[in-house]
C-alpha atoms as a PDB file:
ATOM      1  CA  UNK A   1      60.811-123.125  36.619  1.00  0.00           C
ATOM      2  CA  UNK A   2      62.192-126.659  35.298  1.00  0.00           C
ATOM      3  CA  UNK A   3      62.338-128.047  32.033  1.00  0.00           C
ATOM      4  CA  UNK A   4      60.014-130.615  31.547  1.00  0.00           C
ATOM      5  CA  UNK A   5      61.317-134.431  31.432  1.00  0.00           C
ATOM      6  CA  UNK A   6      61.627-135.570  27.854  1.00  0.00           C
ATOM      7  CA  UNK A   7      60.925-139.230  28.317  1.00  0.00           C
ATOM      8  CA  UNK A   8      61.491-142.121  25.715  1.00  0.00           C
ATOM      9  CA  UNK A   9      59.058-143.325  23.806  1.00  0.00           C
ATOM     10  CA  UNK A  10      59.126-146.657  25.171  1.00  0.00           C
ATOM     11  CA  UNK A  11      58.946-145.707  28.532  1.00  0.00           C
ATOM     12  CA  UNK A  12      56.408-142.892  28.141  1.00  0.00           C
ATOM     13  CA  UNK A  13      53.424-145.958  29.022  1.00  0.00           C
ATOM     14  CA  UNK A  14      54.786-146.207  32.011  1.00  0.00           C
ATOM     15  CA  UNK A  15      54.477-142.707  32.550  1.00  0.00           C
ATOM     16  CA  UNK A  16      51.097-143.027  31.711  1.00  0.00           C
ATOM     17  CA  UNK A  17      50.913-145.438  34.398  1.00  0.00           C
ATOM     18  CA  UNK A  18      52.108-143.123  36.606  1.00  0.00           C
ATOM     19  CA  UNK A  19      49.636-140.634  36.174  1.00  0.00           C
ATOM     20  CA  UNK A  20      46.762-142.645  36.538  1.00  0.00           C
ATOM     21  CA  UNK A  21      48.541-143.830  40.667  1.00  0.00           C
ATOM     22  CA  UNK A  22      48.936-140.096  40.826  1.00  0.00           C
ATOM     23  CA  UNK A  23      45.200-139.574  40.162  1.00  0.00           C
ATOM     24  CA  UNK A  24      44.489-142.408  42.534  1.00  0.00           C
ATOM     25  CA  UNK A  25      46.157-140.545  45.253  1.00  0.00           C
ATOM     26  CA  UNK A  26      44.326-137.039  44.124  1.00  0.00           C
ATOM     27  CA  UNK A  27      41.058-139.654  44.840  1.00  0.00           C
ATOM     28  CA  UNK A  28      42.190-140.744  48.185  1.00  0.00           C
ATOM     29  CA  UNK A  29      43.123-137.513  49.329  1.00  0.00           C
ATOM     30  CA  UNK A  30      39.575-135.859  47.788  1.00  0.00           C
ATOM     31  CA  UNK A  31      37.904-138.871  49.771  1.00  0.00           C
ATOM     32  CA  UNK A  32      39.082-137.411  52.878  1.00  0.00           C
ATOM     33  CA  UNK A  33      37.899-133.997  52.547  1.00  0.00           C
ATOM     34  CA  UNK A  34      34.274-135.348  51.373  1.00  0.00           C
ATOM     35  CA  UNK A  35      34.460-137.562  54.568  1.00  0.00           C
ATOM     36  CA  UNK A  36      34.187-140.378  52.767  1.00  0.00           C
ATOM     37  CA  UNK A  37      33.750-143.344  54.558  1.00  0.00           C
ATOM     38  CA  UNK A  38      37.496-145.237  54.779  1.00  0.00           C
ATOM     39  CA  UNK A  39      35.787-148.741  53.682  1.00  0.00           C
ATOM     40  CA  UNK A  40      34.605-147.334  50.261  1.00  0.00           C
ATOM     41  CA  UNK A  41      37.704-145.807  49.392  1.00  0.00           C
ATOM     42  CA  UNK A  42      40.002-148.605  50.254  1.00  0.00           C
ATOM     43  CA  UNK A  43      37.551-150.889  48.221  1.00  0.00           C
ATOM     44  CA  UNK A  44      38.698-148.287  45.431  1.00  0.00           C
ATOM     45  CA  UNK A  45      42.582-148.774  46.155  1.00  0.00           C
ATOM     46  CA  UNK A  46      42.442-152.581  46.649  1.00  0.00           C
ATOM     47  CA  UNK A  47      41.125-152.329  42.732  1.00  0.00           C
ATOM     48  CA  UNK A  48      43.096-150.003  41.652  1.00  0.00           C
ATOM     49  CA  UNK A  49      46.272-151.656  43.080  1.00  0.00           C
ATOM     50  CA  UNK A  50      44.726-154.944  41.826  1.00  0.00           C
ATOM     51  CA  UNK A  51      44.281-153.605  37.806  1.00  0.00           C
ATOM     52  CA  UNK A  52      46.668-151.236  37.957  1.00  0.00           C
ATOM     53  CA  UNK A  53      49.476-150.975  40.060  1.00  0.00           C
ATOM     54  CA  UNK A  54      50.308-154.540  40.496  1.00  0.00           C
ATOM     55  CA  UNK A  55      50.778-155.226  36.933  1.00  0.00           C
ATOM     56  CA  UNK A  56      52.904-152.003  36.704  1.00  0.00           C
ATOM     57  CA  UNK A  57      55.267-153.439  39.551  1.00  0.00           C
ATOM     58  CA  UNK A  58      55.559-155.916  37.624  1.00  0.00           C
ATOM     59  CA  UNK A  59      56.472-154.797  34.235  1.00  0.00           C
ATOM     60  CA  UNK A  60      59.110-152.387  35.935  1.00  0.00           C
ATOM     61  CA  UNK A  61      60.681-155.342  38.009  1.00  0.00           C
ATOM     62  CA  UNK A  62      61.055-157.632  34.973  1.00  0.00           C
ATOM     63  CA  UNK A  63      62.165-155.301  32.170  1.00  0.00           C
ATOM     64  CA  UNK A  64      63.058-151.794  33.105  1.00  0.00           C
ATOM     65  CA  UNK A  65      65.430-152.611  36.527  1.00  0.00           C
ATOM     66  CA  UNK A  66      67.311-155.177  35.287  1.00  0.00           C
ATOM     67  CA  UNK A  67      68.656-152.201  32.427  1.00  0.00           C
ATOM     68  CA  UNK A  68      70.601-150.805  35.882  1.00  0.00           C
ATOM     69  CA  UNK A  69      70.626-154.225  37.851  1.00  0.00           C
ATOM     70  CA  UNK A  70      69.429-155.108  41.261  1.00  0.00           C
ATOM     71  CA  UNK A  71      72.156-154.181  42.834  1.00  0.00           C
ATOM     72  CA  UNK A  72      71.823-150.529  41.799  1.00  0.00           C
ATOM     73  CA  UNK A  73      70.998-148.190  44.685  1.00  0.00           C
ATOM     74  CA  UNK A  74      68.138-146.775  42.525  1.00  0.00           C
ATOM     75  CA  UNK A  75      66.680-150.334  41.781  1.00  0.00           C
ATOM     76  CA  UNK A  76      67.206-150.523  45.139  1.00  0.00           C
ATOM     77  CA  UNK A  77      65.413-148.618  46.449  1.00  0.00           C
ATOM     78  CA  UNK A  78      62.340-148.791  44.166  1.00  0.00           C
ATOM     79  CA  UNK A  79      61.996-152.296  44.912  1.00  0.00           C
ATOM     80  CA  UNK A  80      61.965-150.989  48.873  1.00  0.00           C
ATOM     81  CA  UNK A  81      58.932-148.722  47.699  1.00  0.00           C
ATOM     82  CA  UNK A  82      57.391-151.484  45.632  1.00  0.00           C
ATOM     83  CA  UNK A  83      57.501-153.787  49.022  1.00  0.00           C
ATOM     84  CA  UNK A  84      56.575-151.008  51.373  1.00  0.00           C
ATOM     85  CA  UNK A  85      53.163-149.828  48.748  1.00  0.00           C
ATOM     86  CA  UNK A  86      52.533-153.990  48.574  1.00  0.00           C
ATOM     87  CA  UNK A  87      52.324-154.386  52.458  1.00  0.00           C
ATOM     88  CA  UNK A  88      50.535-150.971  53.199  1.00  0.00           C
ATOM     89  CA  UNK A  89      48.305-151.918  50.155  1.00  0.00           C
ATOM     90  CA  UNK A  90      47.517-155.090  52.117  1.00  0.00           C
ATOM     91  CA  UNK A  91      46.336-153.671  55.795  1.00  0.00           C
ATOM     92  CA  UNK A  92      42.762-154.482  56.574  1.00  0.00           C
ATOM     93  CA  UNK A  93      42.864-152.571  59.918  1.00  0.00           C
ATOM     94  CA  UNK A  94      43.541-148.996  60.362  1.00  0.00           C
ATOM     95  CA  UNK A  95      42.214-148.317  56.914  1.00  0.00           C
ATOM     96  CA  UNK A  96      42.360-144.838  57.020  1.00  0.00           C
ATOM     97  CA  UNK A  97      45.649-144.471  58.677  1.00  0.00           C
ATOM     98  CA  UNK A  98      46.692-147.160  56.035  1.00  0.00           C
ATOM     99  CA  UNK A  99      45.100-144.928  52.817  1.00  0.00           C
ATOM    100  CA  UNK A 100      46.876-141.739  54.078  1.00  0.00           C
ATOM    101  CA  UNK A 101      50.339-143.308  53.795  1.00  0.00           C
ATOM    102  CA  UNK A 102      49.413-144.989  50.218  1.00  0.00           C
ATOM    103  CA  UNK A 103      48.779-141.475  49.057  1.00  0.00           C
ATOM    104  CA  UNK A 104      51.844-139.898  50.901  1.00  0.00           C
ATOM    105  CA  UNK A 105      54.415-142.717  49.620  1.00  0.00           C
ATOM    106  CA  UNK A 106      52.845-143.628  46.287  1.00  0.00           C
ATOM    107  CA  UNK A 107      53.090-139.975  45.172  1.00  0.00           C
ATOM    108  CA  UNK A 108      56.603-139.489  46.661  1.00  0.00           C
ATOM    109  CA  UNK A 109      57.560-143.057  44.767  1.00  0.00           C
ATOM    110  CA  UNK A 110      55.741-141.937  41.451  1.00  0.00           C
ATOM    111  CA  UNK A 111      58.390-138.674  41.395  1.00  0.00           C
ATOM    112  CA  UNK A 112      60.823-140.624  42.397  1.00  0.00           C
ATOM    113  CA  UNK A 113      61.149-142.771  39.567  1.00  0.00           C
ATOM    114  CA  UNK A 114      60.052-140.089  37.314  1.00  0.00           C
ATOM    115  CA  UNK A 115      62.496-137.340  37.995  1.00  0.00           C
ATOM    116  CA  UNK A 116      65.280-139.702  39.093  1.00  0.00           C
ATOM    117  CA  UNK A 117      65.227-143.781  38.203  1.00  0.00           C
ATOM    118  CA  UNK A 118      63.416-143.572  34.704  1.00  0.00           C
ATOM    119  CA  UNK A 119      66.307-140.507  33.686  1.00  0.00           C
ATOM    120  CA  UNK A 120      68.821-142.459  34.920  1.00  0.00           C
ATOM    121  CA  UNK A 121      67.016-145.775  32.951  1.00  0.00           C
ATOM    122  CA  UNK A 122      66.903-143.356  29.898  1.00  0.00           C
ATOM    123  CA  UNK A 123      70.878-142.463  29.990  1.00  0.00           C
ATOM    124  CA  UNK A 124      71.823-146.199  29.727  1.00  0.00           C
ATOM    125  CA  UNK A 125      69.485-148.119  28.041  1.00  0.00           C
ATOM    126  CA  UNK A 126      70.357-149.528  24.793  1.00  0.00           C
ATOM    127  CA  UNK A 127      67.734-149.484  22.278  1.00  0.00           C
ATOM    128  CA  UNK A 128      67.284-153.526  22.607  1.00  0.00           C
ATOM    129  CA  UNK A 129      66.638-153.322  25.813  1.00  0.00           C
ATOM    130  CA  UNK A 130      63.883-151.072  25.387  1.00  0.00           C
ATOM    131  CA  UNK A 131      62.535-152.864  22.562  1.00  0.00           C
ATOM    132  CA  UNK A 132      62.263-155.789  24.598  1.00  0.00           C
ATOM    133  CA  UNK A 133      60.538-154.133  27.071  1.00  0.00           C
ATOM    134  CA  UNK A 134      58.076-152.143  24.393  1.00  0.00           C
ATOM    135  CA  UNK A 135      57.628-156.143  23.355  1.00  0.00           C
ATOM    136  CA  UNK A 136      56.818-157.560  26.401  1.00  0.00           C
ATOM    137  CA  UNK A 137      54.783-154.816  28.090  1.00  0.00           C
ATOM    138  CA  UNK A 138      51.515-153.669  26.148  1.00  0.00           C
ATOM    139  CA  UNK A 139      49.797-150.664  26.770  1.00  0.00           C
ATOM    140  CA  UNK A 140      45.948-151.116  28.014  1.00  0.00           C
ATOM    141  CA  UNK A 141      43.469-148.426  27.690  1.00  0.00           C
ATOM    142  CA  UNK A 142      42.974-147.013  31.223  1.00  0.00           C
ATOM    143  CA  UNK A 143      39.692-148.430  32.821  1.00  0.00           C
ATOM    144  CA  UNK A 144      37.858-146.734  35.373  1.00  0.00           C
ATOM    145  CA  UNK A 145      35.893-148.478  37.858  1.00  0.00           C
ATOM    146  CA  UNK A 146      32.834-146.244  37.726  1.00  0.00           C
ATOM    147  CA  UNK A 147      30.822-148.674  40.765  1.00  0.00           C
ATOM    148  CA  UNK A 148      31.387-145.915  43.461  1.00  0.00           C
ATOM    149  CA  UNK A 149      33.411-143.053  42.450  1.00  0.00           C
ATOM    150  CA  UNK A 150      33.836-141.482  45.871  1.00  0.00           C
ATOM    151  CA  UNK A 151      35.388-138.774  44.778  1.00  0.00           C
ATOM    152  CA  UNK A 152      32.694-136.947  42.503  1.00  0.00           C
END
């Protein structure tokens, strides 16, 4: 069994945000299993994207990825994932297919960032760089959208 990753304290808010995004993946899977109408799942996924994923991507792109540099292969890969996920969340036809791809690709993206990208960033980040991120990225208490809890 592998040892848990020790995340730098200043990056822990991003990891907690990743946890909530992994729960989105679980909610999508659960909605499919319960045969919930895909439009209901999509409404929730869109809300989640606007309120949680998009601000998270912006924080990473503005303050975390520059630590490695925009030309670093791991940053290029993460940016490619962000663009792909943005496109998937903006699909308005073939909703069920889009949700299935979001569920799979978002989970893979988070695993990549947690297991590979963030570890590399932790290795080389200066305390000033992490402090700058901490100064600009305020962790918000996660607020759930309880209008339609289709996963329950």
